[in-house]
């Protein structure tokens, strides 16, 4: 029997640990980036410690578009959703580790 429909390709992305070991006050407030821009980025995952936001078109003071972050719930962005720009977050405790994976 021939397969029909959309072709399916599984792609395993090797995530590099880009975690921030201890967030500064400026990083926690969203005014200092937590991850530099990377034009080769294909996927991004963040495990937040508290509810907050993930900004990708500027820092939090620019109040551009954002994705919500929920405590203990990994936010994974892939494909066209994955931003290649600088990454900023808000709502995370100062001094906490922010787990980030980048592919």
Protein backbone atom coordinates (compact mmCIF):
# COMPACT_ATOMS: atom_id res chain seq x y z
CA UNK A 1 0.00 0.00 0.00
CA UNK A 2 1.44 3.37 -0.98
CA UNK A 3 1.75 6.12 1.58
CA UNK A 4 -0.35 9.20 0.91
CA UNK A 5 -0.54 12.65 2.39
CA UNK A 6 2.25 14.92 3.51
CA UNK A 7 5.77 13.60 3.63
CA UNK A 8 7.01 13.11 7.16
CA UNK A 9 10.59 13.78 8.16
CA UNK A 10 11.78 13.45 11.70
CA UNK A 11 14.57 15.80 12.62
CA UNK A 12 16.41 15.41 15.90
CA UNK A 13 17.93 18.72 16.89
CA UNK A 14 21.03 18.69 19.08
CA UNK A 15 20.35 21.28 21.78
CA UNK A 16 23.31 23.12 23.27
CA UNK A 17 23.09 24.19 26.90
CA UNK A 18 22.99 27.99 26.90
CA UNK A 19 21.64 28.31 30.44
CA UNK A 20 22.23 31.41 32.52
CA UNK A 21 23.64 30.16 35.86
CA UNK A 22 22.50 33.18 37.89
CA UNK A 23 20.18 35.87 36.54
CA UNK A 24 21.22 39.45 37.25
CA UNK A 25 18.60 42.01 38.28
CA UNK A 26 18.70 43.53 34.77
CA UNK A 27 18.24 40.12 33.13
CA UNK A 28 15.32 39.26 35.44
CA UNK A 29 13.71 42.63 34.62
CA UNK A 30 14.05 42.07 30.88
CA UNK A 31 16.39 44.99 30.26
CA UNK A 32 19.51 42.88 29.66
CA UNK A 33 19.50 39.94 27.25
CA UNK A 34 19.79 36.35 28.43
CA UNK A 35 20.84 34.95 25.04
CA UNK A 36 22.68 36.63 22.17
CA UNK A 37 21.27 36.67 18.65
CA UNK A 38 22.17 33.68 16.49
CA UNK A 39 21.20 33.69 12.80
CA UNK A 40 21.78 29.91 12.71
CA UNK A 41 19.32 29.18 15.54
CA UNK A 42 16.71 26.60 14.50
CA UNK A 43 15.11 25.89 17.87
CA UNK A 44 14.98 27.34 21.36
CA UNK A 45 13.66 25.95 24.61
CA UNK A 46 13.44 27.76 27.96
CA UNK A 47 12.38 26.33 31.32
CA UNK A 48 11.18 29.31 33.41
CA UNK A 49 11.23 29.37 37.21
CA UNK A 50 8.25 31.73 37.45
CA UNK A 51 5.52 33.16 35.23
CA UNK A 52 6.80 35.85 32.91
CA UNK A 53 7.38 36.74 29.28
CA UNK A 54 9.91 36.00 26.55
CA UNK A 55 10.74 38.98 24.29
CA UNK A 56 12.54 38.67 20.97
CA UNK A 57 12.24 42.01 19.14
CA UNK A 58 13.80 44.16 21.84
CA UNK A 59 13.95 44.36 25.59
CA UNK A 60 10.90 44.42 27.84
CA UNK A 61 10.86 48.23 27.99
CA UNK A 62 10.17 48.27 24.23
CA UNK A 63 7.03 46.23 25.04
CA UNK A 64 7.07 44.46 21.68
CA UNK A 65 5.54 41.08 20.95
CA UNK A 66 6.22 38.33 23.47
CA UNK A 67 5.44 34.73 24.34
CA UNK A 68 4.11 34.00 27.83
CA UNK A 69 6.24 31.89 30.16
CA UNK A 70 4.68 29.66 32.81
CA UNK A 71 6.59 28.41 35.85
CA UNK A 72 7.99 24.93 35.29
CA UNK A 73 6.59 24.62 31.75
CA UNK A 74 9.16 24.47 28.95
CA UNK A 75 8.57 27.01 26.17
CA UNK A 76 9.89 25.50 22.93
CA UNK A 77 10.01 27.46 19.68
CA UNK A 78 10.98 25.82 16.41
CA UNK A 79 10.86 26.55 12.70
CA UNK A 80 9.41 29.92 11.70
CA UNK A 81 8.44 30.66 15.34
CA UNK A 82 12.04 30.39 16.53
CA UNK A 83 13.58 33.85 16.89
CA UNK A 84 17.18 34.38 15.75
CA UNK A 85 17.42 37.72 17.58
CA UNK A 86 18.51 38.58 21.14
CA UNK A 87 16.34 36.95 23.83
CA UNK A 88 15.02 38.77 26.92
CA UNK A 89 12.81 37.44 29.72
CA UNK A 90 10.80 38.92 32.58
CA UNK A 91 9.34 37.55 35.79
CA UNK A 92 12.26 35.30 36.76
CA UNK A 93 13.81 35.49 40.24
CA UNK A 94 17.11 37.33 40.54
CA UNK A 95 19.96 34.87 41.14
CA UNK A 96 18.06 31.87 39.81
CA UNK A 97 19.32 29.61 37.02
CA UNK A 98 17.45 29.99 33.75
CA UNK A 99 17.68 26.80 31.72
CA UNK A 100 17.99 27.48 27.99
CA UNK A 101 18.63 25.05 25.14
CA UNK A 102 19.49 26.21 21.63
CA UNK A 103 19.70 24.23 18.41
